[in-house]
């Protein structure tokens, strides 16, 4: 990256060092290998750095070197400074991002800065801040898709992404998801009074389980007297079996949270949400156990990549 920038700067400045007075138009003509917009920006940079001065000639803005015949080594020193500053800016910016995160909190950082903090150190060819800016530009309007991106897909956006960087990004996303679920404001939600509402709630609350679950998991949603969700609880991991899903384990969270009702939830890693005979048997057994405890089993929802299904609705 530094070598390419040096070559671009040399291609810009070498055609100009022998000109005593020139306009922006003339500079662009002489620097045919440099995009016109870059020529304008670099001319202003040379003015700010004191190598060029601006003046008017017959109403036209022109540039003159501060020396009548600028020595080439002065121009090369200017190029050296530009390359060194570019190399250090990303590291400095990331360092400042971390300092501001500690001082003011994560919400004070831009999207690109947050990603750069997760990336930490990329390859020498592309600093972490550049990686953060590329990823932020790609996902700024649909951040949810970042969670499903593969390492190869992120490398297509920012080739400097390392395996370590990718793992840190995915771990940060997953931790944020878990925190969001733990802090979900269930009290502000309406009560679940229909099968459609139960399915919709589970579709949102267990989206990652439905899409990414590699083995069956059984969860419980506890509900208050108005059937508003209180919280979600993982009960078991593994193939759903009536012998494994014991009422004692299932209803322990419900008793602890004084729940009036519950939703049973489990996933099908195969992607097909159609309930099995075992799913129906588990639903019947836990419904009867709930009656003895005075806790209503409102429904049993199967979540999967291809949809969500109510066991109770299909059984009726």
C-alpha atoms as a PDB file:
ATOM      1  CA  UNK A   1       0.000   0.000   0.000  1.00  0.00           C
ATOM      2  CA  UNK A   2       2.847   2.453   0.918  1.00  0.00           C
ATOM      3  CA  UNK A   3       4.781   1.569  -2.237  1.00  0.00           C
ATOM      4  CA  UNK A   4       1.741   2.125  -4.443  1.00  0.00           C
ATOM      5  CA  UNK A   5       1.060   5.492  -2.786  1.00  0.00           C
ATOM      6  CA  UNK A   6       4.692   6.531  -3.307  1.00  0.00           C
ATOM      7  CA  UNK A   7       4.471   5.630  -6.984  1.00  0.00           C
ATOM      8  CA  UNK A   8       1.244   7.628  -7.386  1.00  0.00           C
ATOM      9  CA  UNK A   9       2.755  10.685  -5.697  1.00  0.00           C
ATOM     10  CA  UNK A  10       5.896  10.487  -7.805  1.00  0.00           C
ATOM     11  CA  UNK A  11       3.794  10.244 -10.976  1.00  0.00           C
ATOM     12  CA  UNK A  12       2.012  13.415  -9.835  1.00  0.00           C
ATOM     13  CA  UNK A  13       4.907  15.584  -8.741  1.00  0.00           C
ATOM     14  CA  UNK A  14       7.708  14.720 -11.178  1.00  0.00           C
ATOM     15  CA  UNK A  15       6.007  16.367 -14.204  1.00  0.00           C
ATOM     16  CA  UNK A  16       5.485  19.574 -12.171  1.00  0.00           C
ATOM     17  CA  UNK A  17       8.875  20.236 -10.563  1.00  0.00           C
ATOM     18  CA  UNK A  18      10.284  21.901 -13.695  1.00  0.00           C
ATOM     19  CA  UNK A  19       7.287  24.241 -14.142  1.00  0.00           C
ATOM     20  CA  UNK A  20       7.675  27.743 -12.718  1.00  0.00           C
ATOM     21  CA  UNK A  21       4.026  28.821 -12.929  1.00  0.00           C
ATOM     22  CA  UNK A  22       1.043  26.693 -13.877  1.00  0.00           C
ATOM     23  CA  UNK A  23      -2.713  26.530 -13.520  1.00  0.00           C
ATOM     24  CA  UNK A  24      -4.742  23.606 -12.255  1.00  0.00           C
ATOM     25  CA  UNK A  25      -5.717  22.811 -15.850  1.00  0.00           C
ATOM     26  CA  UNK A  26      -2.076  22.753 -16.929  1.00  0.00           C
ATOM     27  CA  UNK A  27      -1.155  20.560 -13.963  1.00  0.00           C
ATOM     28  CA  UNK A  28      -3.835  18.051 -14.903  1.00  0.00           C
ATOM     29  CA  UNK A  29      -2.582  17.997 -18.484  1.00  0.00           C
ATOM     30  CA  UNK A  30       1.003  17.339 -17.382  1.00  0.00           C
ATOM     31  CA  UNK A  31      -0.091  14.707 -14.796  1.00  0.00           C
ATOM     32  CA  UNK A  32      -2.127  12.649 -17.235  1.00  0.00           C
ATOM     33  CA  UNK A  33      -1.639   9.492 -15.176  1.00  0.00           C
ATOM     34  CA  UNK A  34      -3.241  11.035 -12.082  1.00  0.00           C
ATOM     35  CA  UNK A  35      -7.041  11.470 -11.839  1.00  0.00           C
ATOM     36  CA  UNK A  36      -7.984  15.178 -12.141  1.00  0.00           C
ATOM     37  CA  UNK A  37      -9.715  15.230  -8.755  1.00  0.00           C
ATOM     38  CA  UNK A  38      -6.549  13.880  -7.113  1.00  0.00           C
ATOM     39  CA  UNK A  39      -4.443  16.527  -8.839  1.00  0.00           C
ATOM     40  CA  UNK A  40      -6.652  19.280  -7.382  1.00  0.00           C
ATOM     41  CA  UNK A  41      -6.481  17.774  -3.908  1.00  0.00           C
ATOM     42  CA  UNK A  42      -2.712  17.291  -4.007  1.00  0.00           C
ATOM     43  CA  UNK A  43      -2.122  20.839  -5.246  1.00  0.00           C
ATOM     44  CA  UNK A  44      -4.000  22.147  -2.227  1.00  0.00           C
ATOM     45  CA  UNK A  45      -1.955  19.840  -0.008  1.00  0.00           C
ATOM     46  CA  UNK A  46       1.269  21.302  -1.438  1.00  0.00           C
ATOM     47  CA  UNK A  47      -0.053  24.815  -0.728  1.00  0.00           C
ATOM     48  CA  UNK A  48      -0.883  23.900   2.877  1.00  0.00           C
ATOM     49  CA  UNK A  49       2.551  22.330   3.300  1.00  0.00           C
ATOM     50  CA  UNK A  50       4.286  25.465   2.013  1.00  0.00           C
ATOM     51  CA  UNK A  51       5.817  24.095  -1.175  1.00  0.00           C
ATOM     52  CA  UNK A  52       3.423  25.948  -3.497  1.00  0.00           C
ATOM     53  CA  UNK A  53       1.853  29.380  -3.313  1.00  0.00           C
ATOM     54  CA  UNK A  54      -1.318  30.557  -5.034  1.00  0.00           C
ATOM     55  CA  UNK A  55      -1.668  33.787  -7.026  1.00  0.00           C
ATOM     56  CA  UNK A  56      -3.818  35.278  -9.778  1.00  0.00           C
ATOM     57  CA  UNK A  57      -2.583  35.794 -13.348  1.00  0.00           C
ATOM     58  CA  UNK A  58      -5.010  37.485 -15.757  1.00  0.00           C
ATOM     59  CA  UNK A  59      -7.854  36.392 -13.527  1.00  0.00           C
ATOM     60  CA  UNK A  60      -6.738  32.759 -13.451  1.00  0.00           C
ATOM     61  CA  UNK A  61      -5.619  30.991 -10.293  1.00  0.00           C
ATOM     62  CA  UNK A  62      -2.044  29.776 -10.762  1.00  0.00           C
ATOM     63  CA  UNK A  63       0.501  27.956  -8.641  1.00  0.00           C
ATOM     64  CA  UNK A  64       4.171  28.763  -8.181  1.00  0.00           C
ATOM     65  CA  UNK A  65       6.851  26.916  -6.311  1.00  0.00           C
ATOM     66  CA  UNK A  66       8.186  28.751  -3.321  1.00  0.00           C
ATOM     67  CA  UNK A  67      11.647  28.374  -4.923  1.00  0.00           C
ATOM     68  CA  UNK A  68      12.241  29.419  -8.499  1.00  0.00           C
ATOM     69  CA  UNK A  69      13.627  25.999  -9.281  1.00  0.00           C
ATOM     70  CA  UNK A  70      12.431  23.573  -6.626  1.00  0.00           C
ATOM     71  CA  UNK A  71      15.036  20.935  -5.928  1.00  0.00           C
ATOM     72  CA  UNK A  72      13.841  17.418  -6.594  1.00  0.00           C
ATOM     73  CA  UNK A  73      14.987  16.295  -3.154  1.00  0.00           C
ATOM     74  CA  UNK A  74      12.494  18.737  -1.562  1.00  0.00           C
ATOM     75  CA  UNK A  75       9.711  17.089  -3.529  1.00  0.00           C
ATOM     76  CA  UNK A  76      10.961  13.643  -2.525  1.00  0.00           C
ATOM     77  CA  UNK A  77      11.043  14.660   1.120  1.00  0.00           C
ATOM     78  CA  UNK A  78       7.420  15.802   0.790  1.00  0.00           C
ATOM     79  CA  UNK A  79       6.499  12.421  -0.702  1.00  0.00           C
ATOM     80  CA  UNK A  80       8.282  10.652   2.186  1.00  0.00           C
ATOM     81  CA  UNK A  81       6.220  12.639   4.697  1.00  0.00           C
ATOM     82  CA  UNK A  82       2.965  11.806   2.920  1.00  0.00           C
ATOM     83  CA  UNK A  83       3.741   8.084   2.851  1.00  0.00           C
ATOM     84  CA  UNK A  84       4.832   7.996   6.503  1.00  0.00           C
ATOM     85  CA  UNK A  85       1.744   9.907   7.643  1.00  0.00           C
ATOM     86  CA  UNK A  86      -0.552   7.606   5.665  1.00  0.00           C
ATOM     87  CA  UNK A  87       1.090   4.582   7.210  1.00  0.00           C
ATOM     88  CA  UNK A  88       0.626   5.949  10.711  1.00  0.00           C
ATOM     89  CA  UNK A  89      -2.858   7.447  10.418  1.00  0.00           C
ATOM     90  CA  UNK A  90      -4.753   4.150  10.561  1.00  0.00           C
ATOM     91  CA  UNK A  91      -2.827   2.958  13.625  1.00  0.00           C
ATOM     92  CA  UNK A  92      -3.235   6.357  15.288  1.00  0.00           C
ATOM     93  CA  UNK A  93      -6.946   6.506  14.407  1.00  0.00           C
ATOM     94  CA  UNK A  94      -7.548   3.039  15.799  1.00  0.00           C
ATOM     95  CA  UNK A  95      -5.599   3.932  18.940  1.00  0.00           C
ATOM     96  CA  UNK A  96      -7.713   7.060  19.368  1.00  0.00           C
ATOM     97  CA  UNK A  97     -10.844   4.999  18.782  1.00  0.00           C
ATOM     98  CA  UNK A  98      -9.893   2.694  21.639  1.00  0.00           C
ATOM     99  CA  UNK A  99      -9.078   5.608  23.910  1.00  0.00           C
ATOM    100  CA  UNK A 100     -12.450   7.220  23.149  1.00  0.00           C
ATOM    101  CA  UNK A 101     -14.203   3.894  23.735  1.00  0.00           C
ATOM    102  CA  UNK A 102     -12.644   3.716  27.201  1.00  0.00           C
ATOM    103  CA  UNK A 103     -13.322   7.379  27.925  1.00  0.00           C
ATOM    104  CA  UNK A 104     -16.775   7.896  26.409  1.00  0.00           C
ATOM    105  CA  UNK A 105     -18.174   4.429  25.762  1.00  0.00           C
ATOM    106  CA  UNK A 106     -18.728   2.345  22.648  1.00  0.00           C
ATOM    107  CA  UNK A 107     -21.700   4.455  21.536  1.00  0.00           C
ATOM    108  CA  UNK A 108     -19.302   7.333  20.829  1.00  0.00           C
ATOM    109  CA  UNK A 109     -17.605   5.398  18.001  1.00  0.00           C
ATOM    110  CA  UNK A 110     -18.680   5.278  14.369  1.00  0.00           C
ATOM    111  CA  UNK A 111     -19.562   1.970  12.697  1.00  0.00           C
ATOM    112  CA  UNK A 112     -16.175   1.835  10.977  1.00  0.00           C
ATOM    113  CA  UNK A 113     -14.334   2.519  14.246  1.00  0.00           C
ATOM    114  CA  UNK A 114     -16.242  -0.228  16.064  1.00  0.00           C
ATOM    115  CA  UNK A 115     -15.319  -2.737  13.373  1.00  0.00           C
ATOM    116  CA  UNK A 116     -11.683  -1.600  13.415  1.00  0.00           C
ATOM    117  CA  UNK A 117     -11.518  -2.209  17.177  1.00  0.00           C
ATOM    118  CA  UNK A 118     -12.816  -5.753  16.622  1.00  0.00           C
ATOM    119  CA  UNK A 119     -10.388  -6.317  13.741  1.00  0.00           C
ATOM    120  CA  UNK A 120      -7.473  -4.974  15.819  1.00  0.00           C
ATOM    121  CA  UNK A 121      -4.600  -5.787  13.461  1.00  0.00           C
ATOM    122  CA  UNK A 122      -4.983  -6.750   9.828  1.00  0.00           C
ATOM    123  CA  UNK A 123      -2.199  -7.279   7.287  1.00  0.00           C
ATOM    124  CA  UNK A 124       0.439  -4.650   6.633  1.00  0.00           C
ATOM    125  CA  UNK A 125      -1.111  -4.000   3.219  1.00  0.00           C
ATOM    126  CA  UNK A 126      -4.360  -2.730   4.724  1.00  0.00           C
ATOM    127  CA  UNK A 127      -4.664  -1.232   8.232  1.00  0.00           C
ATOM    128  CA  UNK A 128      -7.542  -2.192  10.515  1.00  0.00           C
ATOM    129  CA  UNK A 129      -9.212   1.206  10.103  1.00  0.00           C
ATOM    130  CA  UNK A 130      -9.338   0.722   6.340  1.00  0.00           C
ATOM    131  CA  UNK A 131     -10.889  -2.712   6.882  1.00  0.00           C
ATOM    132  CA  UNK A 132     -13.462  -1.175   9.217  1.00  0.00           C
ATOM    133  CA  UNK A 133     -14.392   1.468   6.649  1.00  0.00           C
ATOM    134  CA  UNK A 134     -14.798  -1.115   3.879  1.00  0.00           C
ATOM    135  CA  UNK A 135     -17.008  -3.391   5.973  1.00  0.00           C
ATOM    136  CA  UNK A 136     -19.064  -0.488   7.311  1.00  0.00           C
ATOM    137  CA  UNK A 137     -19.666   0.753   3.770  1.00  0.00           C
ATOM    138  CA  UNK A 138     -20.777  -2.720   2.654  1.00  0.00           C
ATOM    139  CA  UNK A 139     -23.139  -3.499   5.547  1.00  0.00           C
ATOM    140  CA  UNK A 140     -24.218  -0.043   6.764  1.00  0.00           C
ATOM    141  CA  UNK A 141     -27.873  -0.526   5.746  1.00  0.00           C
ATOM    142  CA  UNK A 142     -28.155  -4.234   6.579  1.00  0.00           C
ATOM    143  CA  UNK A 143     -25.895  -5.086   9.496  1.00  0.00           C
ATOM    144  CA  UNK A 144     -27.786  -8.327  10.196  1.00  0.00           C
ATOM    145  CA  UNK A 145     -26.215  -9.825   7.064  1.00  0.00           C
ATOM    146  CA  UNK A 146     -22.727  -9.417   8.549  1.00  0.00           C
ATOM    147  CA  UNK A 147     -23.536 -12.160  11.052  1.00  0.00           C
ATOM    148  CA  UNK A 148     -24.037 -14.626   8.184  1.00  0.00           C
ATOM    149  CA  UNK A 149     -20.946 -13.622   6.188  1.00  0.00           C
ATOM    150  CA  UNK A 150     -18.188 -16.195   5.727  1.00  0.00           C
ATOM    151  CA  UNK A 151     -14.468 -15.518   6.003  1.00  0.00           C
ATOM    152  CA  UNK A 152     -14.103 -15.732   2.220  1.00  0.00           C
ATOM    153  CA  UNK A 153     -16.971 -13.276   1.704  1.00  0.00           C
ATOM    154  CA  UNK A 154     -15.395 -10.731   4.056  1.00  0.00           C
ATOM    155  CA  UNK A 155     -12.046 -11.186   2.332  1.00  0.00           C
ATOM    156  CA  UNK A 156     -13.688 -10.259  -0.964  1.00  0.00           C
ATOM    157  CA  UNK A 157     -14.626  -6.932   0.660  1.00  0.00           C
ATOM    158  CA  UNK A 158     -11.358  -6.434   2.565  1.00  0.00           C
ATOM    159  CA  UNK A 159      -8.589  -8.849   1.500  1.00  0.00           C
ATOM    160  CA  UNK A 160      -6.559  -8.063   4.622  1.00  0.00           C
ATOM    161  CA  UNK A 161      -9.128  -9.726   6.920  1.00  0.00           C
ATOM    162  CA  UNK A 162      -7.334 -12.487   8.820  1.00  0.00           C
ATOM    163  CA  UNK A 163      -8.810 -15.605  10.351  1.00  0.00           C
ATOM    164  CA  UNK A 164      -8.272 -14.076  13.786  1.00  0.00           C
ATOM    165  CA  UNK A 165     -10.024 -10.851  12.728  1.00  0.00           C
ATOM    166  CA  UNK A 166     -12.982 -12.835  11.395  1.00  0.00           C
ATOM    167  CA  UNK A 167     -13.331 -14.835  14.612  1.00  0.00           C
ATOM    168  CA  UNK A 168     -13.250 -11.645  16.696  1.00  0.00           C
ATOM    169  CA  UNK A 169     -15.972 -10.035  14.574  1.00  0.00           C
ATOM    170  CA  UNK A 170     -18.212 -13.112  14.777  1.00  0.00           C
ATOM    171  CA  UNK A 171     -17.652 -13.451  18.522  1.00  0.00           C
ATOM    172  CA  UNK A 172     -18.520  -9.770  19.019  1.00  0.00           C
ATOM    173  CA  UNK A 173     -21.730 -10.164  17.010  1.00  0.00           C
ATOM    174  CA  UNK A 174     -22.793 -13.267  18.914  1.00  0.00           C
ATOM    175  CA  UNK A 175     -22.092 -11.694  22.294  1.00  0.00           C
ATOM    176  CA  UNK A 176     -24.098  -8.620  21.283  1.00  0.00           C
ATOM    177  CA  UNK A 177     -26.966 -10.871  20.186  1.00  0.00           C
ATOM    178  CA  UNK A 178     -26.977 -12.701  23.509  1.00  0.00           C
ATOM    179  CA  UNK A 179     -26.925  -9.452  25.447  1.00  0.00           C
ATOM    180  CA  UNK A 180     -29.819  -8.157  23.341  1.00  0.00           C
ATOM    181  CA  UNK A 181     -31.819 -11.298  24.082  1.00  0.00           C
ATOM    182  CA  UNK A 182     -30.999 -11.103  27.781  1.00  0.00           C
ATOM    183  CA  UNK A 183     -32.103  -7.461  27.899  1.00  0.00           C
ATOM    184  CA  UNK A 184     -35.149  -7.901  25.689  1.00  0.00           C
ATOM    185  CA  UNK A 185     -37.902  -5.634  27.117  1.00  0.00           C
ATOM    186  CA  UNK A 186     -40.522  -8.374  27.384  1.00  0.00           C
ATOM    187  CA  UNK A 187     -42.638  -6.251  29.695  1.00  0.00           C
ATOM    188  CA  UNK A 188     -43.402  -3.831  26.863  1.00  0.00           C
ATOM    189  CA  UNK A 189     -44.763  -6.561  24.598  1.00  0.00           C
ATOM    190  CA  UNK A 190     -48.396  -7.493  24.168  1.00  0.00           C
ATOM    191  CA  UNK A 191     -49.672 -10.772  25.546  1.00  0.00           C
ATOM    192  CA  UNK A 192     -49.493 -13.876  23.340  1.00  0.00           C
ATOM    193  CA  UNK A 193     -53.128 -14.841  22.792  1.00  0.00           C
ATOM    194  CA  UNK A 194     -53.037 -16.753  19.500  1.00  0.00           C
ATOM    195  CA  UNK A 195     -51.026 -19.349  17.621  1.00  0.00           C
ATOM    196  CA  UNK A 196     -49.925 -16.738  15.074  1.00  0.00           C
ATOM    197  CA  UNK A 197     -48.570 -14.487  17.824  1.00  0.00           C
ATOM    198  CA  UNK A 198     -46.739 -17.411  19.427  1.00  0.00           C
ATOM    199  CA  UNK A 199     -45.150 -18.356  16.106  1.00  0.00           C
ATOM    200  CA  UNK A 200     -44.140 -14.770  15.343  1.00  0.00           C
ATOM    201  CA  UNK A 201     -42.584 -14.308  18.767  1.00  0.00           C
ATOM    202  CA  UNK A 202     -40.566 -17.521  18.434  1.00  0.00           C
ATOM    203  CA  UNK A 203     -39.528 -16.646  14.886  1.00  0.00           C
ATOM    204  CA  UNK A 204     -37.909 -13.470  16.186  1.00  0.00           C
ATOM    205  CA  UNK A 205     -36.619 -14.657  19.559  1.00  0.00           C
ATOM    206  CA  UNK A 206     -35.126 -17.911  18.224  1.00  0.00           C
ATOM    207  CA  UNK A 207     -34.036 -16.793  14.760  1.00  0.00           C
ATOM    208  CA  UNK A 208     -30.386 -17.747  15.252  1.00  0.00           C
ATOM    209  CA  UNK A 209     -31.347 -21.115  16.706  1.00  0.00           C
ATOM    210  CA  UNK A 210     -33.584 -21.816  13.702  1.00  0.00           C
ATOM    211  CA  UNK A 211     -30.919 -20.851  11.166  1.00  0.00           C
ATOM    212  CA  UNK A 212     -27.630 -21.867  12.798  1.00  0.00           C
ATOM    213  CA  UNK A 213     -28.577 -24.633  15.250  1.00  0.00           C
ATOM    214  CA  UNK A 214     -26.556 -27.775  14.498  1.00  0.00           C
ATOM    215  CA  UNK A 215     -28.330 -29.982  17.041  1.00  0.00           C
ATOM    216  CA  UNK A 216     -31.717 -29.966  18.649  1.00  0.00           C
ATOM    217  CA  UNK A 217     -32.224 -27.645  21.619  1.00  0.00           C
ATOM    218  CA  UNK A 218     -35.258 -27.422  23.856  1.00  0.00           C
ATOM    219  CA  UNK A 219     -36.182 -23.991  25.254  1.00  0.00           C
ATOM    220  CA  UNK A 220     -38.891 -22.581  27.466  1.00  0.00           C
ATOM    221  CA  UNK A 221     -40.584 -19.178  27.223  1.00  0.00           C
ATOM    222  CA  UNK A 222     -42.116 -18.127  30.539  1.00  0.00           C
ATOM    223  CA  UNK A 223     -45.292 -16.002  30.475  1.00  0.00           C
ATOM    224  CA  UNK A 224     -47.104 -13.941  33.104  1.00  0.00           C
ATOM    225  CA  UNK A 225     -50.833 -13.967  33.871  1.00  0.00           C
ATOM    226  CA  UNK A 226     -51.535 -11.853  30.768  1.00  0.00           C
ATOM    227  CA  UNK A 227     -49.354 -14.159  28.679  1.00  0.00           C
ATOM    228  CA  UNK A 228     -46.659 -11.513  28.240  1.00  0.00           C
ATOM    229  CA  UNK A 229     -43.165 -13.051  27.892  1.00  0.00           C
ATOM    230  CA  UNK A 230     -41.022 -12.936  31.009  1.00  0.00           C
ATOM    231  CA  UNK A 231     -37.916 -14.608  29.592  1.00  0.00           C
ATOM    232  CA  UNK A 232     -36.452 -17.500  27.597  1.00  0.00           C
ATOM    233  CA  UNK A 233     -34.587 -20.479  29.067  1.00  0.00           C
ATOM    234  CA  UNK A 234     -32.544 -23.275  27.505  1.00  0.00           C
ATOM    235  CA  UNK A 235     -33.564 -26.623  29.016  1.00  0.00           C
ATOM    236  CA  UNK A 236     -31.719 -29.351  27.091  1.00  0.00           C
ATOM    237  CA  UNK A 237     -29.373 -29.799  24.125  1.00  0.00           C
ATOM    238  CA  UNK A 238     -29.599 -32.970  22.057  1.00  0.00           C
ATOM    239  CA  UNK A 239     -32.198 -35.090  20.301  1.00  0.00           C
ATOM    240  CA  UNK A 240     -35.646 -34.363  21.706  1.00  0.00           C
ATOM    241  CA  UNK A 241     -36.810 -37.363  23.703  1.00  0.00           C
ATOM    242  CA  UNK A 242     -39.623 -37.691  26.219  1.00  0.00           C
ATOM    243  CA  UNK A 243     -37.245 -39.471  28.589  1.00  0.00           C
ATOM    244  CA  UNK A 244     -34.752 -36.577  28.473  1.00  0.00           C
ATOM    245  CA  UNK A 245     -37.187 -33.635  28.671  1.00  0.00           C
ATOM    246  CA  UNK A 246     -38.215 -34.216  32.264  1.00  0.00           C
ATOM    247  CA  UNK A 247     -41.018 -31.999  33.650  1.00  0.00           C
ATOM    248  CA  UNK A 248     -38.827 -31.160  36.632  1.00  0.00           C
ATOM    249  CA  UNK A 249     -36.187 -29.543  34.387  1.00  0.00           C
ATOM    250  CA  UNK A 250     -38.733 -27.931  32.071  1.00  0.00           C
ATOM    251  CA  UNK A 251     -40.856 -26.263  34.714  1.00  0.00           C
ATOM    252  CA  UNK A 252     -38.054 -25.242  37.092  1.00  0.00           C
ATOM    253  CA  UNK A 253     -37.604 -21.810  35.393  1.00  0.00           C
ATOM    254  CA  UNK A 254     -41.385 -21.325  35.295  1.00  0.00           C
ATOM    255  CA  UNK A 255     -41.710 -21.971  39.028  1.00  0.00           C
ATOM    256  CA  UNK A 256     -38.694 -19.757  39.796  1.00  0.00           C
ATOM    257  CA  UNK A 257     -40.217 -16.849  37.833  1.00  0.00           C
ATOM    258  CA  UNK A 258     -43.789 -17.465  39.070  1.00  0.00           C
ATOM    259  CA  UNK A 259     -44.951 -17.970  35.474  1.00  0.00           C
ATOM    260  CA  UNK A 260     -48.638 -18.547  34.813  1.00  0.00           C
ATOM    261  CA  UNK A 261     -48.044 -20.136  31.419  1.00  0.00           C
ATOM    262  CA  UNK A 262     -45.217 -21.275  29.143  1.00  0.00           C
ATOM    263  CA  UNK A 263     -44.353 -21.807  25.492  1.00  0.00           C
ATOM    264  CA  UNK A 264     -42.334 -24.891  24.605  1.00  0.00           C
ATOM    265  CA  UNK A 265     -39.817 -24.327  21.813  1.00  0.00           C
ATOM    266  CA  UNK A 266     -37.313 -26.518  20.018  1.00  0.00           C
ATOM    267  CA  UNK A 267     -35.495 -26.482  16.693  1.00  0.00           C
ATOM    268  CA  UNK A 268     -35.083 -28.899  13.790  1.00  0.00           C
ATOM    269  CA  UNK A 269     -31.531 -28.592  12.398  1.00  0.00           C
ATOM    270  CA  UNK A 270     -32.689 -30.392   9.244  1.00  0.00           C
ATOM    271  CA  UNK A 271     -34.599 -27.244   8.260  1.00  0.00           C
ATOM    272  CA  UNK A 272     -37.970 -29.020   8.111  1.00  0.00           C
ATOM    273  CA  UNK A 273     -40.289 -27.720  10.880  1.00  0.00           C
ATOM    274  CA  UNK A 274     -42.818 -30.558  10.589  1.00  0.00           C
ATOM    275  CA  UNK A 275     -43.347 -32.014  14.114  1.00  0.00           C
ATOM    276  CA  UNK A 276     -42.442 -35.638  14.673  1.00  0.00           C
ATOM    277  CA  UNK A 277     -44.409 -38.184  16.641  1.00  0.00           C
ATOM    278  CA  UNK A 278     -41.931 -37.674  19.494  1.00  0.00           C
ATOM    279  CA  UNK A 279     -42.580 -33.902  19.416  1.00  0.00           C
ATOM    280  CA  UNK A 280     -46.307 -34.539  19.839  1.00  0.00           C
ATOM    281  CA  UNK A 281     -45.719 -37.013  22.689  1.00  0.00           C
ATOM    282  CA  UNK A 282     -43.485 -34.535  24.555  1.00  0.00           C
ATOM    283  CA  UNK A 283     -46.141 -31.834  24.143  1.00  0.00           C
ATOM    284  CA  UNK A 284     -48.857 -34.071  25.601  1.00  0.00           C
ATOM    285  CA  UNK A 285     -46.762 -35.171  28.588  1.00  0.00           C
ATOM    286  CA  UNK A 286     -45.626 -31.659  29.486  1.00  0.00           C
ATOM    287  CA  UNK A 287     -49.148 -30.264  29.079  1.00  0.00           C
ATOM    288  CA  UNK A 288     -50.431 -32.800  31.626  1.00  0.00           C
ATOM    289  CA  UNK A 289     -47.532 -32.057  33.988  1.00  0.00           C
ATOM    290  CA  UNK A 290     -48.268 -28.343  33.694  1.00  0.00           C
ATOM    291  CA  UNK A 291     -51.882 -28.894  34.731  1.00  0.00           C
ATOM    292  CA  UNK A 292     -50.724 -30.536  37.966  1.00  0.00           C
ATOM    293  CA  UNK A 293     -48.516 -27.507  38.674  1.00  0.00           C
ATOM    294  CA  UNK A 294     -51.128 -24.951  37.675  1.00  0.00           C
ATOM    295  CA  UNK A 295     -48.964 -23.749  34.755  1.00  0.00           C
ATOM    296  CA  UNK A 296     -50.614 -23.704  31.341  1.00  0.00           C
ATOM    297  CA  UNK A 297     -48.632 -24.980  28.359  1.00  0.00           C
ATOM    298  CA  UNK A 298     -49.844 -22.468  25.793  1.00  0.00           C
ATOM    299  CA  UNK A 299     -48.220 -24.093  22.751  1.00  0.00           C
ATOM    300  CA  UNK A 300     -45.178 -25.942  21.451  1.00  0.00           C
ATOM    301  CA  UNK A 301     -43.399 -24.218  18.552  1.00  0.00           C
ATOM    302  CA  UNK A 302     -40.886 -25.917  16.254  1.00  0.00           C
ATOM    303  CA  UNK A 303     -38.441 -23.451  14.650  1.00  0.00           C
ATOM    304  CA  UNK A 304     -36.373 -24.268  11.568  1.00  0.00           C
ATOM    305  CA  UNK A 305     -34.799 -22.638   8.514  1.00  0.00           C
ATOM    306  CA  UNK A 306     -37.908 -23.383   6.447  1.00  0.00           C
ATOM    307  CA  UNK A 307     -40.411 -21.916   8.901  1.00  0.00           C
ATOM    308  CA  UNK A 308     -42.042 -22.227  12.291  1.00  0.00           C
ATOM    309  CA  UNK A 309     -44.875 -24.628  13.156  1.00  0.00           C
ATOM    310  CA  UNK A 310     -47.250 -25.070  16.091  1.00  0.00           C
ATOM    311  CA  UNK A 311     -47.352 -28.673  17.317  1.00  0.00           C
ATOM    312  CA  UNK A 312     -50.689 -28.052  19.006  1.00  0.00           C
ATOM    313  CA  UNK A 313     -52.291 -26.575  15.895  1.00  0.00           C
ATOM    314  CA  UNK A 314     -51.260 -29.521  13.717  1.00  0.00           C
ATOM    315  CA  UNK A 315     -52.460 -32.015  16.302  1.00  0.00           C
ATOM    316  CA  UNK A 316     -55.940 -30.470  16.520  1.00  0.00           C
END
